[in-house]
Amino acid sequence: MSVVQEKPIALYFWPTPNGWKISVMLEELGIPYEVTFIDIGKGDQFDPEFLKISPNNRMPAIIDPEGPGGEPITVFESGAILQYLGRKFGRFYPRDERARVETEEWLMWQMGGFGPMLGQNHHFRLYAPEKIEYAMNRYFNETHRLYGVLNRRLEGRDYVAAGEYTIADMAIIGWAQRWERQGIDLDEFPNVKAWKARLDARPGVQKGLALGRKEDEKFAMASDKDA
């Protein structure tokens, strides 16, 4: 039985790979949502009202006015949001236990590695006030290794888990958008390149990644100026 969302989900968002996970998921689900931009450049993430929703002062976060039992629920941490939405709407998060475990493995792989390591690489390559060769090499090498892991996983597969498009793909695709800034040559990883093209062709991914594009460009320009 499909779930109908009548009231829009409140999305607290900034256009980053973690934010895009949720905008992509909401677009793929085709459910109503309203966006509040959390400008991380201005420190909106430290606002006391936002901290009530996301105590770790990180976006994204959501408020679902039609949560369990019909009561509102707040959810923070992008992986937890993906799982919550997948369970609620019964899509992109397999119910079969083996398929679900596989999906969760690759979701946690992204949360624990293909995200934090790429983020550190991005920071030390572009934004750190001092160019620290050790840090740049360490995080680039780990980024390169993780792309290799993903490339091997995608050998003979269209999607990373469960033989279908899942929240694991959604979690990874935003980070893969910034391969150039990470110093990665995507031609080295042909399976990743083909997978990325496959996902980029999806209307839901296109719309989700387009959310906040103007804000992202302004933020990048300001950051580059300050770097």
N, C-alpha and C. Protein backbone atom coordinates (compact mmCIF):
# COMPACT_ATOMS: atom_id res chain seq x y z
N MET A 1 0.85 -1.20 0.00
CA MET A 1 0.00 0.00 0.00
C MET A 1 0.88 1.24 0.00
N SER A 2 0.67 2.14 -0.96
CA SER A 2 1.50 3.33 -1.06
C SER A 2 1.05 4.37 -0.03
N VAL A 3 2.01 5.15 0.44
CA VAL A 3 1.75 6.20 1.41
C VAL A 3 1.60 7.51 0.67
N VAL A 4 0.54 8.25 0.98
CA VAL A 4 0.31 9.56 0.37
C VAL A 4 0.72 10.64 1.37
N GLN A 5 1.62 11.50 0.95
CA GLN A 5 2.06 12.61 1.79
C GLN A 5 1.24 13.84 1.43
N GLU A 6 0.43 14.28 2.38
CA GLU A 6 -0.42 15.44 2.10
C GLU A 6 0.25 16.75 2.49
N LYS A 7 0.84 16.80 3.67
CA LYS A 7 1.53 18.01 4.12
C LYS A 7 3.01 17.92 3.69
N PRO A 8 3.58 19.02 3.24
CA PRO A 8 4.97 18.97 2.78
C PRO A 8 5.95 18.70 3.92
N ILE A 9 6.96 17.95 3.59
CA ILE A 9 8.07 17.73 4.51
C ILE A 9 8.95 18.97 4.51
N ALA A 10 9.36 19.40 5.67
CA ALA A 10 10.26 20.55 5.80
C ALA A 10 11.70 20.06 5.68
N LEU A 11 12.40 20.57 4.69
CA LEU A 11 13.79 20.20 4.45
C LEU A 11 14.70 21.37 4.80
N TYR A 12 15.61 21.14 5.73
CA TYR A 12 16.62 22.12 6.10
C TYR A 12 17.88 21.75 5.35
N PHE A 13 18.33 22.65 4.48
CA PHE A 13 19.20 22.24 3.38
C PHE A 13 20.21 23.31 3.02
N TRP A 14 21.36 22.85 2.56
CA TRP A 14 22.31 23.68 1.83
C TRP A 14 22.89 22.81 0.72
N PRO A 15 23.19 23.40 -0.45
CA PRO A 15 23.62 22.58 -1.59
C PRO A 15 25.03 22.02 -1.43
N THR A 16 25.10 20.92 -0.73
CA THR A 16 26.34 20.16 -0.55
C THR A 16 26.03 18.70 -0.85
N PRO A 17 27.04 17.85 -0.99
CA PRO A 17 26.76 16.44 -1.24
C PRO A 17 25.83 15.80 -0.21
N ASN A 18 25.94 16.19 1.06
CA ASN A 18 25.04 15.63 2.05
C ASN A 18 23.62 16.16 1.89
N GLY A 19 23.50 17.44 1.60
CA GLY A 19 22.17 18.00 1.36
C GLY A 19 21.50 17.40 0.14
N TRP A 20 22.28 17.18 -0.92
CA TRP A 20 21.72 16.63 -2.16
C TRP A 20 21.16 15.23 -1.98
N LYS A 21 21.70 14.48 -1.04
CA LYS A 21 21.14 13.14 -0.81
C LYS A 21 19.64 13.22 -0.59
N ILE A 22 19.22 14.21 0.21
CA ILE A 22 17.82 14.28 0.60
C ILE A 22 16.98 14.96 -0.47
N SER A 23 17.51 15.98 -1.12
CA SER A 23 16.73 16.59 -2.20
C SER A 23 16.52 15.60 -3.34
N VAL A 24 17.53 14.78 -3.62
CA VAL A 24 17.37 13.75 -4.65
C VAL A 24 16.30 12.74 -4.22
N MET A 25 16.39 12.28 -2.98
CA MET A 25 15.41 11.30 -2.50
C MET A 25 13.99 11.85 -2.57
N LEU A 26 13.80 13.08 -2.13
CA LEU A 26 12.46 13.66 -2.14
C LEU A 26 11.94 13.84 -3.56
N GLU A 27 12.82 14.21 -4.49
CA GLU A 27 12.41 14.34 -5.88
C GLU A 27 12.08 12.97 -6.47
N GLU A 28 12.88 11.96 -6.14
CA GLU A 28 12.60 10.62 -6.65
C GLU A 28 11.27 10.09 -6.11
N LEU A 29 10.97 10.43 -4.87
CA LEU A 29 9.70 9.99 -4.28
C LEU A 29 8.52 10.77 -4.84
N GLY A 30 8.78 11.99 -5.32
CA GLY A 30 7.70 12.80 -5.87
C GLY A 30 6.73 13.30 -4.83
N ILE A 31 7.23 13.57 -3.62
CA ILE A 31 6.36 14.03 -2.54
C ILE A 31 6.60 15.52 -2.29
N PRO A 32 5.60 16.21 -1.72
CA PRO A 32 5.76 17.65 -1.49
C PRO A 32 6.78 17.93 -0.38
N TYR A 33 7.57 18.97 -0.61
CA TYR A 33 8.51 19.40 0.44
C TYR A 33 8.77 20.89 0.29
N GLU A 34 9.12 21.51 1.40
CA GLU A 34 9.46 22.92 1.44
C GLU A 34 10.87 23.08 1.98
N VAL A 35 11.63 23.98 1.39
CA VAL A 35 13.05 24.12 1.72
C VAL A 35 13.31 25.35 2.57
N THR A 36 14.07 25.16 3.62
CA THR A 36 14.67 26.25 4.38
C THR A 36 16.17 26.15 4.18
N PHE A 37 16.76 27.18 3.58
CA PHE A 37 18.20 27.14 3.35
C PHE A 37 18.95 27.45 4.65
N ILE A 38 19.87 26.58 4.96
CA ILE A 38 20.75 26.76 6.12
C ILE A 38 22.11 27.18 5.58
N ASP A 39 22.34 28.48 5.54
CA ASP A 39 23.55 29.02 4.94
C ASP A 39 24.74 28.74 5.85
N ILE A 40 25.51 27.72 5.51
CA ILE A 40 26.63 27.31 6.36
C ILE A 40 27.76 28.34 6.32
N GLY A 41 27.78 29.18 5.30
CA GLY A 41 28.78 30.23 5.24
C GLY A 41 28.52 31.34 6.24
N LYS A 42 27.23 31.52 6.57
CA LYS A 42 26.84 32.56 7.53
C LYS A 42 26.65 32.01 8.94
N GLY A 43 26.77 30.69 9.08
CA GLY A 43 26.64 30.09 10.41
C GLY A 43 25.22 29.80 10.83
N ASP A 44 24.30 29.69 9.84
CA ASP A 44 22.91 29.39 10.19
C ASP A 44 22.77 28.08 10.96
N GLN A 45 23.74 27.17 10.77
CA GLN A 45 23.66 25.86 11.41
C GLN A 45 23.80 25.94 12.94
N PHE A 46 24.23 27.11 13.44
CA PHE A 46 24.39 27.27 14.89
C PHE A 46 23.20 27.99 15.52
N ASP A 47 22.21 28.33 14.73
CA ASP A 47 21.03 28.99 15.26
C ASP A 47 20.34 28.08 16.27
N PRO A 48 19.99 28.61 17.44
CA PRO A 48 19.37 27.77 18.48
C PRO A 48 18.12 27.03 18.01
N GLU A 49 17.33 27.66 17.13
CA GLU A 49 16.14 26.99 16.64
C GLU A 49 16.49 25.79 15.76
N PHE A 50 17.55 25.95 14.95
CA PHE A 50 17.97 24.82 14.12
C PHE A 50 18.56 23.71 14.98
N LEU A 51 19.26 24.08 16.04
CA LEU A 51 19.87 23.06 16.92
C LEU A 51 18.82 22.19 17.61
N LYS A 52 17.61 22.69 17.72
CA LYS A 52 16.53 21.86 18.28
C LYS A 52 16.19 20.71 17.34
N ILE A 53 16.44 20.93 16.05
CA ILE A 53 16.15 19.92 15.04
C ILE A 53 17.37 19.05 14.78
N SER A 54 18.54 19.69 14.73
CA SER A 54 19.79 19.00 14.42
C SER A 54 20.84 19.36 15.47
N PRO A 55 20.88 18.63 16.57
CA PRO A 55 21.76 18.99 17.69
C PRO A 55 23.24 18.95 17.37
N ASN A 56 23.63 18.31 16.28
CA ASN A 56 25.04 18.27 15.87
C ASN A 56 25.39 19.45 14.96
N ASN A 57 24.50 20.42 14.88
CA ASN A 57 24.65 21.61 14.03
C ASN A 57 25.15 21.30 12.62
N ARG A 58 24.50 20.29 12.03
CA ARG A 58 24.79 19.93 10.65
C ARG A 58 23.48 19.79 9.89
N MET A 59 23.50 20.25 8.65
CA MET A 59 22.36 19.95 7.80
C MET A 59 22.79 18.79 6.90
N PRO A 60 21.84 18.08 6.28
CA PRO A 60 20.41 18.34 6.25
C PRO A 60 19.69 17.79 7.47
N ALA A 61 18.47 18.26 7.61
CA ALA A 61 17.54 17.71 8.60
C ALA A 61 16.15 17.88 8.03
N ILE A 62 15.22 17.11 8.55
CA ILE A 62 13.84 17.24 8.09
C ILE A 62 12.88 17.26 9.27
N ILE A 63 11.72 17.83 9.02
CA ILE A 63 10.57 17.64 9.90
C ILE A 63 9.45 17.07 9.03
N ASP A 64 9.00 15.89 9.40
CA ASP A 64 7.87 15.28 8.71
C ASP A 64 6.63 15.53 9.56
N PRO A 65 5.71 16.38 9.10
CA PRO A 65 4.51 16.66 9.90
C PRO A 65 3.57 15.46 10.00
N GLU A 66 3.80 14.46 9.15
CA GLU A 66 2.97 13.26 9.16
C GLU A 66 3.83 12.06 9.53
N GLY A 67 4.46 12.15 10.69
CA GLY A 67 5.35 11.10 11.15
C GLY A 67 4.59 9.93 11.74
N PRO A 68 5.29 9.05 12.45
CA PRO A 68 4.64 7.87 13.05
C PRO A 68 3.45 8.27 13.92
N GLY A 69 2.36 7.55 13.73
CA GLY A 69 1.15 7.85 14.50
C GLY A 69 0.50 9.16 14.10
N GLY A 70 0.92 9.72 12.98
CA GLY A 70 0.34 10.98 12.53
C GLY A 70 0.91 12.20 13.21
N GLU A 71 1.93 12.00 14.04
CA GLU A 71 2.54 13.11 14.77
C GLU A 71 3.85 13.52 14.10
N PRO A 72 4.23 14.81 14.18
CA PRO A 72 5.47 15.27 13.57
C PRO A 72 6.69 14.56 14.14
N ILE A 73 7.68 14.39 13.29
CA ILE A 73 8.96 13.81 13.72
C ILE A 73 10.08 14.59 13.06
N THR A 74 11.15 14.84 13.82
CA THR A 74 12.35 15.45 13.26
C THR A 74 13.39 14.36 13.07
N VAL A 75 14.16 14.46 11.99
CA VAL A 75 15.22 13.50 11.72
C VAL A 75 16.45 14.27 11.25
N PHE A 76 17.59 14.03 11.88
CA PHE A 76 18.84 14.61 11.41
C PHE A 76 19.80 13.48 11.05
N GLU A 77 20.90 13.84 10.38
CA GLU A 77 21.87 12.93 9.78
C GLU A 77 21.30 12.36 8.48
N SER A 78 22.03 12.63 7.39
CA SER A 78 21.52 12.31 6.06
C SER A 78 21.22 10.82 5.86
N GLY A 79 22.07 9.95 6.39
CA GLY A 79 21.81 8.52 6.25
C GLY A 79 20.55 8.09 6.96
N ALA A 80 20.33 8.63 8.16
CA ALA A 80 19.12 8.30 8.91
C ALA A 80 17.88 8.82 8.21
N ILE A 81 18.00 9.98 7.57
CA ILE A 81 16.86 10.54 6.83
C ILE A 81 16.51 9.65 5.65
N LEU A 82 17.54 9.21 4.91
CA LEU A 82 17.30 8.32 3.78
C LEU A 82 16.61 7.04 4.23
N GLN A 83 17.06 6.47 5.32
CA GLN A 83 16.44 5.23 5.82
C GLN A 83 15.00 5.48 6.26
N TYR A 84 14.78 6.59 6.95
CA TYR A 84 13.43 6.90 7.40
C TYR A 84 12.48 7.04 6.22
N LEU A 85 12.87 7.83 5.24
CA LEU A 85 12.01 8.03 4.08
C LEU A 85 11.81 6.74 3.29
N GLY A 86 12.88 5.95 3.19
CA GLY A 86 12.77 4.67 2.49
C GLY A 86 11.79 3.72 3.16
N ARG A 87 11.85 3.68 4.49
CA ARG A 87 10.91 2.82 5.22
C ARG A 87 9.49 3.33 5.10
N LYS A 88 9.32 4.63 5.27
CA LYS A 88 7.97 5.19 5.28
C LYS A 88 7.26 4.98 3.96
N PHE A 89 7.97 5.25 2.86
CA PHE A 89 7.33 5.21 1.55
C PHE A 89 7.54 3.90 0.82
N GLY A 90 8.34 3.01 1.40
CA GLY A 90 8.51 1.69 0.82
C GLY A 90 9.18 1.70 -0.55
N ARG A 91 10.09 2.66 -0.76
CA ARG A 91 10.75 2.75 -2.05
C ARG A 91 12.25 3.01 -1.86
N PHE A 92 13.03 2.45 -2.76
CA PHE A 92 14.48 2.65 -2.81
C PHE A 92 15.23 2.09 -1.60
N TYR A 93 14.54 1.32 -0.77
CA TYR A 93 15.14 0.71 0.42
C TYR A 93 14.52 -0.68 0.55
N PRO A 94 15.16 -1.70 -0.01
CA PRO A 94 14.54 -3.03 -0.12
C PRO A 94 14.05 -3.58 1.21
N ARG A 95 12.97 -4.31 1.16
CA ARG A 95 12.43 -4.94 2.36
C ARG A 95 13.03 -6.32 2.59
N ASP A 96 13.42 -7.00 1.51
CA ASP A 96 14.10 -8.27 1.67
C ASP A 96 15.36 -8.06 2.51
N GLU A 97 15.57 -8.91 3.52
CA GLU A 97 16.64 -8.66 4.49
C GLU A 97 18.02 -8.67 3.85
N ARG A 98 18.28 -9.61 2.98
CA ARG A 98 19.61 -9.67 2.35
C ARG A 98 19.86 -8.42 1.50
N ALA A 99 18.85 -8.03 0.74
CA ALA A 99 19.00 -6.84 -0.10
C ALA A 99 19.12 -5.58 0.76
N ARG A 100 18.39 -5.55 1.88
CA ARG A 100 18.46 -4.38 2.76
C ARG A 100 19.83 -4.29 3.42
N VAL A 101 20.36 -5.40 3.88
CA VAL A 101 21.70 -5.39 4.49
C VAL A 101 22.73 -4.90 3.49
N GLU A 102 22.63 -5.37 2.25
CA GLU A 102 23.58 -4.93 1.22
C GLU A 102 23.47 -3.43 0.98
N THR A 103 22.26 -2.93 0.95
CA THR A 103 22.04 -1.49 0.77
C THR A 103 22.63 -0.72 1.94
N GLU A 104 22.42 -1.22 3.15
CA GLU A 104 22.94 -0.55 4.34
C GLU A 104 24.46 -0.59 4.39
N GLU A 105 25.06 -1.68 3.92
CA GLU A 105 26.52 -1.75 3.88
C GLU A 105 27.10 -0.60 3.07
N TRP A 106 26.51 -0.39 1.88
CA TRP A 106 27.07 0.64 1.01
C TRP A 106 26.65 2.04 1.44
N LEU A 107 25.52 2.16 2.12
CA LEU A 107 25.17 3.45 2.71
C LEU A 107 26.18 3.80 3.80
N MET A 108 26.51 2.83 4.66
CA MET A 108 27.47 3.10 5.74
C MET A 108 28.88 3.31 5.18
N TRP A 109 29.19 2.63 4.09
CA TRP A 109 30.48 2.85 3.42
C TRP A 109 30.59 4.32 3.00
N GLN A 110 29.52 4.83 2.46
CA GLN A 110 29.54 6.24 2.08
C GLN A 110 29.63 7.14 3.32
N MET A 111 28.84 6.87 4.32
CA MET A 111 28.80 7.72 5.50
C MET A 111 30.14 7.72 6.24
N GLY A 112 30.80 6.56 6.25
CA GLY A 112 32.04 6.45 7.01
C GLY A 112 33.30 6.75 6.23
N GLY A 113 33.22 6.69 4.88
CA GLY A 113 34.43 6.85 4.08
C GLY A 113 34.24 7.78 2.90
N PHE A 114 33.40 7.37 1.97
CA PHE A 114 33.20 8.13 0.72
C PHE A 114 32.31 9.33 1.02
N GLY A 115 32.83 10.20 1.76
CA GLY A 115 32.14 11.39 2.25
C GLY A 115 33.13 12.11 3.14
N PRO A 116 33.41 11.57 4.33
CA PRO A 116 34.41 12.20 5.19
C PRO A 116 35.78 12.33 4.54
N MET A 117 36.24 11.27 3.88
CA MET A 117 37.58 11.34 3.28
C MET A 117 37.61 12.29 2.08
N LEU A 118 36.56 12.25 1.26
CA LEU A 118 36.50 13.16 0.12
C LEU A 118 36.35 14.59 0.58
N GLY A 119 35.60 14.79 1.66
CA GLY A 119 35.45 16.13 2.21
C GLY A 119 36.76 16.69 2.72
N GLN A 120 37.54 15.86 3.40
CA GLN A 120 38.86 16.32 3.87
C GLN A 120 39.79 16.62 2.70
N ASN A 121 39.74 15.77 1.68
CA ASN A 121 40.53 16.00 0.48
C ASN A 121 40.17 17.35 -0.14
N HIS A 122 38.89 17.58 -0.28
CA HIS A 122 38.39 18.82 -0.85
C HIS A 122 38.87 20.02 -0.03
N HIS A 123 38.78 19.90 1.28
CA HIS A 123 39.18 21.00 2.17
C HIS A 123 40.66 21.32 2.03
N PHE A 124 41.50 20.31 2.17
CA PHE A 124 42.94 20.56 2.17
C PHE A 124 43.46 20.95 0.78
N ARG A 125 42.79 20.49 -0.27
CA ARG A 125 43.21 20.87 -1.63
C ARG A 125 42.84 22.31 -1.95
N LEU A 126 41.66 22.76 -1.50
CA LEU A 126 41.14 24.04 -1.98
C LEU A 126 41.00 25.13 -0.93
N TYR A 127 40.69 24.77 0.30
CA TYR A 127 40.28 25.80 1.25
C TYR A 127 41.17 25.98 2.46
N ALA A 128 42.05 25.05 2.75
CA ALA A 128 42.92 25.20 3.92
C ALA A 128 43.81 26.43 3.73
N PRO A 129 43.95 27.26 4.76
CA PRO A 129 44.77 28.47 4.61
C PRO A 129 46.24 28.17 4.39
N GLU A 130 46.65 26.98 4.77
CA GLU A 130 48.04 26.56 4.57
C GLU A 130 48.05 25.24 3.80
N LYS A 131 48.86 25.16 2.77
CA LYS A 131 48.97 23.94 1.98
C LYS A 131 49.87 22.95 2.72
N ILE A 132 49.26 21.95 3.30
CA ILE A 132 49.98 20.94 4.08
C ILE A 132 50.12 19.70 3.22
N GLU A 133 51.30 19.45 2.74
CA GLU A 133 51.51 18.37 1.77
C GLU A 133 51.10 17.02 2.32
N TYR A 134 51.45 16.76 3.57
CA TYR A 134 51.10 15.47 4.16
C TYR A 134 49.60 15.25 4.14
N ALA A 135 48.82 16.26 4.57
CA ALA A 135 47.36 16.13 4.60
C ALA A 135 46.79 16.01 3.19
N MET A 136 47.31 16.80 2.27
CA MET A 136 46.81 16.74 0.89
C MET A 136 47.04 15.35 0.30
N ASN A 137 48.23 14.80 0.52
CA ASN A 137 48.54 13.48 -0.03
C ASN A 137 47.71 12.39 0.66
N ARG A 138 47.60 12.50 1.97
CA ARG A 138 46.86 11.48 2.72
C ARG A 138 45.42 11.36 2.24
N TYR A 139 44.74 12.50 2.12
CA TYR A 139 43.32 12.46 1.78
C TYR A 139 43.10 12.24 0.29
N PHE A 140 44.02 12.70 -0.55
CA PHE A 140 43.89 12.37 -1.96
C PHE A 140 44.05 10.87 -2.18
N ASN A 141 45.06 10.28 -1.54
CA ASN A 141 45.30 8.85 -1.71
C ASN A 141 44.11 8.02 -1.23
N GLU A 142 43.49 8.45 -0.13
CA GLU A 142 42.33 7.72 0.37
C GLU A 142 41.13 7.92 -0.56
N THR A 143 40.99 9.12 -1.09
CA THR A 143 39.93 9.38 -2.07
C THR A 143 40.11 8.47 -3.28
N HIS A 144 41.32 8.40 -3.78
CA HIS A 144 41.63 7.56 -4.95
C HIS A 144 41.33 6.10 -4.64
N ARG A 145 41.69 5.64 -3.45
CA ARG A 145 41.43 4.26 -3.06
C ARG A 145 39.93 3.97 -3.04
N LEU A 146 39.15 4.91 -2.49
CA LEU A 146 37.71 4.71 -2.38
C LEU A 146 37.03 4.70 -3.74
N TYR A 147 37.48 5.54 -4.66
CA TYR A 147 36.96 5.46 -6.02
C TYR A 147 37.27 4.09 -6.63
N GLY A 148 38.42 3.55 -6.29
CA GLY A 148 38.77 2.21 -6.77
C GLY A 148 37.85 1.15 -6.20
N VAL A 149 37.52 1.27 -4.92
CA VAL A 149 36.58 0.33 -4.29
C VAL A 149 35.23 0.39 -5.01
N LEU A 150 34.76 1.61 -5.26
CA LEU A 150 33.47 1.78 -5.93
C LEU A 150 33.53 1.24 -7.36
N ASN A 151 34.64 1.48 -8.03
CA ASN A 151 34.78 1.01 -9.41
C ASN A 151 34.72 -0.52 -9.48
N ARG A 152 35.39 -1.17 -8.53
CA ARG A 152 35.35 -2.65 -8.51
C ARG A 152 33.96 -3.15 -8.18
N ARG A 153 33.29 -2.46 -7.27
CA ARG A 153 31.94 -2.88 -6.90
C ARG A 153 30.99 -2.79 -8.09
N LEU A 154 31.18 -1.81 -8.94
CA LEU A 154 30.27 -1.58 -10.05
C LEU A 154 30.60 -2.41 -11.29
N GLU A 155 31.62 -3.23 -11.21
CA GLU A 155 31.94 -4.11 -12.34
C GLU A 155 30.76 -5.05 -12.59
N GLY A 156 30.14 -4.94 -13.76
CA GLY A 156 29.01 -5.79 -14.11
C GLY A 156 27.72 -5.43 -13.41
N ARG A 157 27.68 -4.27 -12.74
CA ARG A 157 26.47 -3.84 -12.03
C ARG A 157 26.04 -2.47 -12.52
N ASP A 158 24.74 -2.25 -12.55
CA ASP A 158 24.21 -0.93 -12.87
C ASP A 158 24.15 -0.04 -11.64
N TYR A 159 23.96 -0.66 -10.46
CA TYR A 159 23.80 0.09 -9.22
C TYR A 159 24.64 -0.59 -8.14
N VAL A 160 24.87 0.13 -7.03
CA VAL A 160 25.86 -0.37 -6.07
C VAL A 160 25.34 -1.50 -5.20
N ALA A 161 24.03 -1.61 -5.01
CA ALA A 161 23.53 -2.61 -4.06
C ALA A 161 22.20 -3.18 -4.49
N ALA A 162 21.97 -4.42 -4.09
CA ALA A 162 20.66 -5.07 -4.19
C ALA A 162 20.15 -5.24 -5.62
N GLY A 163 21.00 -5.00 -6.61
CA GLY A 163 20.59 -5.16 -8.00
C GLY A 163 19.57 -4.13 -8.46
N GLU A 164 19.46 -3.03 -7.74
CA GLU A 164 18.48 -2.00 -8.09
C GLU A 164 18.96 -0.64 -7.57
N TYR A 165 18.29 0.39 -8.03
CA TYR A 165 18.58 1.76 -7.60
C TYR A 165 18.06 1.95 -6.18
N THR A 166 18.95 2.35 -5.26
CA THR A 166 18.58 2.46 -3.86
C THR A 166 19.11 3.74 -3.23
N ILE A 167 18.81 3.89 -1.95
CA ILE A 167 19.33 5.03 -1.20
C ILE A 167 20.85 5.02 -1.13
N ALA A 168 21.47 3.87 -1.33
CA ALA A 168 22.93 3.83 -1.34
C ALA A 168 23.48 4.61 -2.54
N ASP A 169 22.86 4.46 -3.70
CA ASP A 169 23.26 5.24 -4.87
C ASP A 169 23.06 6.73 -4.61
N MET A 170 21.92 7.08 -4.02
CA MET A 170 21.63 8.48 -3.74
C MET A 170 22.64 9.09 -2.78
N ALA A 171 23.10 8.29 -1.83
CA ALA A 171 24.08 8.79 -0.87
C ALA A 171 25.42 9.08 -1.52
N ILE A 172 25.77 8.32 -2.53
CA ILE A 172 27.10 8.41 -3.14
C ILE A 172 27.15 9.45 -4.26
N ILE A 173 26.07 9.60 -5.01
CA ILE A 173 26.13 10.37 -6.27
C ILE A 173 26.52 11.83 -6.06
N GLY A 174 26.06 12.45 -4.99
CA GLY A 174 26.40 13.85 -4.76
C GLY A 174 27.89 14.07 -4.58
N TRP A 175 28.51 13.13 -3.86
CA TRP A 175 29.96 13.24 -3.65
C TRP A 175 30.72 13.01 -4.95
N ALA A 176 30.22 12.14 -5.79
CA ALA A 176 30.89 11.86 -7.06
C ALA A 176 30.79 13.03 -8.04
N GLN A 177 29.87 13.97 -7.78
CA GLN A 177 29.76 15.13 -8.65
C GLN A 177 31.01 16.01 -8.60
N ARG A 178 31.75 15.94 -7.51
CA ARG A 178 32.88 16.85 -7.31
C ARG A 178 34.24 16.18 -7.56
N TRP A 179 34.23 15.22 -8.46
CA TRP A 179 35.46 14.47 -8.75
C TRP A 179 36.59 15.37 -9.22
N GLU A 180 36.28 16.41 -9.99
CA GLU A 180 37.35 17.28 -10.49
C GLU A 180 38.01 18.04 -9.35
N ARG A 181 37.19 18.57 -8.46
CA ARG A 181 37.73 19.30 -7.31
C ARG A 181 38.53 18.38 -6.40
N GLN A 182 38.22 17.11 -6.43
CA GLN A 182 38.94 16.14 -5.60
C GLN A 182 40.24 15.68 -6.26
N GLY A 183 40.51 16.17 -7.46
CA GLY A 183 41.73 15.79 -8.16
C GLY A 183 41.67 14.43 -8.83
N ILE A 184 40.46 13.92 -9.03
CA ILE A 184 40.27 12.58 -9.58
C ILE A 184 40.08 12.65 -11.10
N ASP A 185 40.72 11.73 -11.80
CA ASP A 185 40.48 11.54 -13.23
C ASP A 185 39.46 10.43 -13.37
N LEU A 186 38.24 10.78 -13.73
CA LEU A 186 37.17 9.80 -13.76
C LEU A 186 37.38 8.74 -14.84
N ASP A 187 38.19 9.05 -15.82
CA ASP A 187 38.50 8.05 -16.86
C ASP A 187 39.26 6.86 -16.29
N GLU A 188 39.88 7.05 -15.13
CA GLU A 188 40.57 5.94 -14.45
C GLU A 188 39.58 4.92 -13.91
N PHE A 189 38.34 5.36 -13.74
CA PHE A 189 37.33 4.53 -13.08
C PHE A 189 36.11 4.43 -14.00
N PRO A 190 36.22 3.65 -15.07
CA PRO A 190 35.16 3.62 -16.09
C PRO A 190 33.82 3.13 -15.57
N ASN A 191 33.82 2.22 -14.61
CA ASN A 191 32.54 1.75 -14.08
C ASN A 191 31.84 2.85 -13.29
N VAL A 192 32.62 3.63 -12.54
CA VAL A 192 32.05 4.77 -11.81
C VAL A 192 31.53 5.81 -12.80
N LYS A 193 32.29 6.06 -13.83
CA LYS A 193 31.89 7.05 -14.84
C LYS A 193 30.57 6.65 -15.50
N ALA A 194 30.43 5.38 -15.84
CA ALA A 194 29.19 4.91 -16.48
C ALA A 194 28.02 4.97 -15.49
N TRP A 195 28.28 4.58 -14.25
CA TRP A 195 27.24 4.64 -13.21
C TRP A 195 26.79 6.08 -12.98
N LYS A 196 27.75 6.99 -12.91
CA LYS A 196 27.42 8.41 -12.71
C LYS A 196 26.56 8.93 -13.86
N ALA A 197 26.92 8.60 -15.09
CA ALA A 197 26.13 9.03 -16.25
C ALA A 197 24.72 8.45 -16.18
N ARG A 198 24.61 7.21 -15.72
CA ARG A 198 23.31 6.55 -15.60
C ARG A 198 22.42 7.29 -14.61
N LEU A 199 23.00 7.66 -13.46
CA LEU A 199 22.23 8.36 -12.44
C LEU A 199 21.96 9.81 -12.84
N ASP A 200 22.93 10.45 -13.46
CA ASP A 200 22.75 11.85 -13.86
C ASP A 200 21.64 12.01 -14.87
N ALA A 201 21.29 10.94 -15.57
CA ALA A 201 20.22 11.00 -16.57
C ALA A 201 18.83 10.91 -15.94
N ARG A 202 18.76 10.57 -14.65
CA ARG A 202 17.46 10.44 -13.99
C ARG A 202 16.90 11.83 -13.66
N PRO A 203 15.64 12.10 -14.01
CA PRO A 203 15.04 13.41 -13.70
C PRO A 203 15.09 13.75 -12.22
N GLY A 204 14.87 12.76 -11.36
CA GLY A 204 14.90 13.03 -9.93
C GLY A 204 16.26 13.46 -9.45
N VAL A 205 17.30 12.85 -9.99
CA VAL A 205 18.67 13.23 -9.64
C VAL A 205 18.96 14.63 -10.17
N GLN A 206 18.56 14.89 -11.39
CA GLN A 206 18.79 16.21 -11.97
C GLN A 206 18.12 17.31 -11.15
N LYS A 207 16.87 17.10 -10.77
CA LYS A 207 16.16 18.11 -9.99
C LYS A 207 16.74 18.25 -8.59
N GLY A 208 17.09 17.12 -8.00
CA GLY A 208 17.66 17.17 -6.65
C GLY A 208 18.99 17.89 -6.61
N LEU A 209 19.83 17.65 -7.60
CA LEU A 209 21.14 18.29 -7.65
C LEU A 209 21.04 19.76 -8.05
N ALA A 210 19.95 20.13 -8.71
CA ALA A 210 19.77 21.52 -9.13
C ALA A 210 19.31 22.41 -7.98
N LEU A 211 18.79 21.81 -6.91
CA LEU A 211 18.26 22.60 -5.80
C LEU A 211 19.40 23.42 -5.17
N GLY A 212 19.20 24.72 -5.11
CA GLY A 212 20.19 25.58 -4.47
C GLY A 212 21.42 25.84 -5.31
N ARG A 213 21.34 25.63 -6.62
CA ARG A 213 22.53 25.78 -7.47
C ARG A 213 23.10 27.20 -7.40
N LYS A 214 22.22 28.19 -7.39
CA LYS A 214 22.69 29.57 -7.33
C LYS A 214 23.42 29.84 -6.01
N GLU A 215 22.86 29.31 -4.93
CA GLU A 215 23.48 29.50 -3.62
C GLU A 215 24.85 28.80 -3.59
N ASP A 216 24.93 27.62 -4.20
CA ASP A 216 26.19 26.87 -4.25
C ASP A 216 27.24 27.65 -5.01
N GLU A 217 26.86 28.25 -6.13
CA GLU A 217 27.82 29.01 -6.93
C GLU A 217 28.32 30.24 -6.18
N LYS A 218 27.42 30.93 -5.49
CA LYS A 218 27.82 32.09 -4.70
C LYS A 218 28.77 31.69 -3.58
N PHE A 219 28.45 30.57 -2.91
CA PHE A 219 29.27 30.11 -1.81
C PHE A 219 30.66 29.70 -2.29
N ALA A 220 30.72 29.01 -3.43
CA ALA A 220 32.00 28.57 -3.98
C ALA A 220 32.86 29.76 -4.36
N MET A 221 32.24 30.79 -4.96
CA MET A 221 32.98 31.99 -5.34
C MET A 221 33.54 32.70 -4.11
N ALA A 222 32.74 32.81 -3.07
CA ALA A 222 33.19 33.46 -1.85
C ALA A 222 34.30 32.66 -1.18
N SER A 223 34.16 31.34 -1.16
CA SER A 223 35.17 30.48 -0.54
C SER A 223 36.47 30.55 -1.32
N ASP A 224 36.38 30.54 -2.65
CA ASP A 224 37.59 30.62 -3.46
C ASP A 224 38.31 31.94 -3.23
N LYS A 225 37.53 33.00 -3.03
CA LYS A 225 38.11 34.31 -2.80
C LYS A 225 38.85 34.35 -1.48
N ASP A 226 38.29 33.65 -0.48
CA ASP A 226 38.88 33.66 0.87
C ASP A 226 40.01 32.67 1.01
N ALA A 227 40.09 31.68 0.09
CA ALA A 227 41.07 30.61 0.24
C ALA A 227 42.49 31.11 0.01
